[in-house]
Amino acid sequence: MNKIITPLAFATVVLALASCATLVQKPEGFAEVLPWQVAATQYKAVSPEGMIYRVRTLNNYPVQTLEFWAQALQNHLEKEGYRSVSEGRSFETEDNSGRIFEWAMPYANESYIYLTAIVVSEKRIAVAEAAAEHTIYYQYREALLESLASIVIP
């Protein structure tokens, strides 16, 4: 039996997905992965070279500040062997504050840059990630930074 989705039903599904997801502006040069292909609490885009940019939300539990979660993220990645190439730099979104970290990581004969950013609201945390070979990363860095500033946590 074929089911037909009415425009109202489709709009309801789209609004339900949008209400759960982190809202973020697509970085210039990237294509968005369709919302129903990723979790409702995740945004994903990809560059033509295959660089993936992901923003996902988690519960702020136990409830802590940006400083706490940024320090926890930094400690974890340093313990895993990532080398910082930039100090945790603060940035502002429309409603919240965030922190950006950039890490160097060798992979095969290449040097990769791994961006992690965190934005904290009272109830939710947005975590953004992107990684690519360093020349590709720096080609898209400004577009990624602009996108990070657009994060809105519903």
Protein backbone atom coordinates (compact mmCIF):
# COMPACT_ATOMS: atom_id res chain seq x y z
CA MET A 1 0.00 0.00 0.00
CA ASN A 2 1.47 3.37 -1.01
CA LYS A 3 1.30 6.09 1.56
CA ILE A 4 1.06 9.70 0.50
CA ILE A 5 2.57 12.29 2.81
CA THR A 6 0.45 15.39 2.97
CA PRO A 7 2.13 18.80 3.03
CA LEU A 8 0.92 19.28 6.62
CA ALA A 9 2.42 15.96 7.73
CA PHE A 10 5.69 16.78 5.96
CA ALA A 11 5.83 20.24 7.57
CA THR A 12 5.18 18.69 10.98
CA VAL A 13 8.10 16.26 10.55
CA VAL A 14 10.42 19.03 9.35
CA LEU A 15 9.48 21.27 12.27
CA ALA A 16 9.96 18.42 14.74
CA LEU A 17 13.43 17.72 13.37
CA ALA A 18 14.35 21.40 13.32
CA SER A 19 13.18 21.93 16.89
CA CYS A 20 15.55 19.19 18.10
CA ALA A 21 18.56 20.09 16.03
CA THR A 22 21.26 22.63 16.54
CA LEU A 23 20.75 25.49 14.13
CA VAL A 24 23.87 26.65 12.34
CA GLN A 25 24.65 28.45 9.12
CA LYS A 26 26.16 26.26 6.41
CA PRO A 27 29.84 27.13 5.87
CA GLU A 28 30.54 28.61 2.44
CA GLY A 29 31.76 25.93 0.05
CA PHE A 30 30.08 23.06 1.92
CA ALA A 31 26.99 21.02 1.08
CA GLU A 32 24.58 20.10 3.84
CA VAL A 33 23.89 16.45 4.54
CA LEU A 34 20.12 16.04 4.48
CA PRO A 35 18.54 16.24 7.96
CA TRP A 36 16.89 12.82 7.80
CA GLN A 37 20.28 11.23 7.06
CA VAL A 38 21.71 12.31 10.43
CA ALA A 39 20.40 12.32 13.98
CA ALA A 40 17.93 15.03 14.94
CA THR A 41 20.46 16.51 17.37
CA GLN A 42 23.19 16.77 14.75
CA TYR A 43 24.06 19.00 11.79
CA LYS A 44 26.47 17.78 9.14
CA ALA A 45 28.00 19.35 6.04
CA VAL A 46 30.79 18.25 3.72
CA SER A 47 33.24 20.08 1.43
CA PRO A 48 34.00 18.89 -2.12
CA GLU A 49 37.31 17.47 -0.82
CA GLY A 50 35.49 15.39 1.79
CA MET A 51 36.09 17.58 4.86
CA ILE A 52 33.23 16.91 7.28
CA TYR A 53 31.85 19.62 9.55
CA ARG A 54 29.60 18.37 12.32
CA VAL A 55 27.70 20.16 15.07
CA ARG A 56 25.82 18.10 17.63
CA THR A 57 24.07 18.83 20.87
CA LEU A 58 24.27 17.07 24.20
CA ASN A 59 22.60 17.64 27.54
CA ASN A 60 24.49 19.98 29.85
CA TYR A 61 24.61 17.34 32.55
CA PRO A 62 25.87 17.68 35.11
CA VAL A 63 25.10 21.36 34.63
CA GLN A 64 28.41 23.21 34.31
CA THR A 65 29.82 26.38 32.78
CA LEU A 66 31.58 26.92 29.47
CA GLU A 67 34.89 27.18 31.32
CA PHE A 68 34.39 23.76 32.93
CA TRP A 69 33.43 21.97 29.69
CA ALA A 70 36.14 23.73 27.65
CA GLN A 71 38.79 22.67 30.18
CA ALA A 72 37.43 19.11 30.20
CA LEU A 73 37.59 18.99 26.37
CA GLN A 74 41.11 20.41 26.33
CA ASN A 75 42.35 18.00 29.02
CA HIS A 76 40.84 15.01 27.23
CA LEU A 77 42.36 15.81 23.83
CA GLU A 78 45.78 16.62 25.30
CA LYS A 79 45.71 13.31 27.17
CA GLU A 80 44.90 11.57 23.86
CA GLY A 81 48.05 13.09 22.33
CA TYR A 82 46.64 15.97 20.29
CA ARG A 83 48.97 18.98 20.05
CA SER A 84 47.35 22.40 20.37
CA VAL A 85 48.09 24.84 17.54
CA SER A 86 45.96 27.60 19.03
CA GLU A 87 44.93 28.45 22.54
CA GLY A 88 41.26 28.01 23.34
CA ARG A 89 39.89 31.18 21.81
CA SER A 90 36.55 32.60 22.89
CA PHE A 91 33.80 33.55 20.47
CA GLU A 92 30.24 34.80 20.74
CA THR A 93 27.07 33.49 19.20
CA GLU A 94 23.79 35.38 19.26
CA ASP A 95 22.75 33.83 22.58
CA ASN A 96 25.81 32.16 24.12
CA SER A 97 29.58 32.10 24.38
CA GLY A 98 31.86 29.45 22.97
CA ARG A 99 35.45 28.32 22.82
CA ILE A 100 37.42 27.14 19.77
CA PHE A 101 40.42 24.82 19.84
CA GLU A 102 42.61 23.77 16.91
CA TRP A 103 44.81 20.69 17.11
CA ALA A 104 47.56 19.22 14.97
CA MET A 105 47.58 15.52 14.34
CA PRO A 106 49.84 13.50 12.07
CA TYR A 107 48.13 10.96 9.85
CA ALA A 108 50.24 8.81 7.54
CA ASN A 109 52.60 11.28 5.81
CA GLU A 110 50.24 14.24 6.20
CA SER A 111 49.58 16.83 8.87
CA TYR A 112 45.91 17.31 9.74
CA ILE A 113 44.17 20.05 11.66
CA TYR A 114 41.28 19.11 13.93
CA LEU A 115 38.94 21.90 15.02
CA THR A 116 36.81 21.45 18.13
CA ALA A 117 34.46 24.10 19.44
CA ILE A 118 32.01 24.12 22.29
CA VAL A 119 29.03 26.38 23.03
CA VAL A 120 27.22 26.03 26.35
CA SER A 121 23.70 27.04 27.27
CA GLU A 122 21.88 26.37 30.51
CA LYS A 123 20.45 23.03 29.32
CA ARG A 124 22.42 22.02 26.22
CA ILE A 125 25.97 21.92 24.87
CA ALA A 126 26.81 22.24 21.18
CA VAL A 127 30.01 20.53 20.09
CA ALA A 128 31.41 21.31 16.64
CA GLU A 129 34.14 19.36 14.87
CA ALA A 130 35.96 19.54 11.56
CA ALA A 131 39.18 17.95 10.39
CA ALA A 132 41.18 17.86 7.19
CA GLU A 133 44.67 17.86 5.79
CA HIS A 134 46.13 21.24 6.78
CA THR A 135 45.99 22.91 3.34
CA ILE A 136 42.33 21.94 2.92
CA TYR A 137 41.52 22.97 6.49
CA TYR A 138 43.01 26.44 6.05
CA GLN A 139 41.15 26.87 2.77
CA TYR A 140 37.85 26.62 4.72
CA ARG A 141 38.90 27.96 8.13
CA GLU A 142 37.22 31.39 7.85
CA ALA A 143 33.97 29.84 6.61
CA LEU A 144 34.02 27.44 9.58
CA LEU A 145 34.62 30.28 12.06
CA GLU A 146 31.71 32.25 10.59
CA SER A 147 29.48 29.20 10.87
CA LEU A 148 30.46 28.63 14.50
CA ALA A 149 29.35 32.15 15.38
CA SER A 150 25.91 31.33 13.97
CA ILE A 151 25.20 28.39 16.31
CA VAL A 152 21.83 28.64 18.03
CA ILE A 153 21.00 26.05 20.66
CA PRO A 154 17.22 25.48 20.77
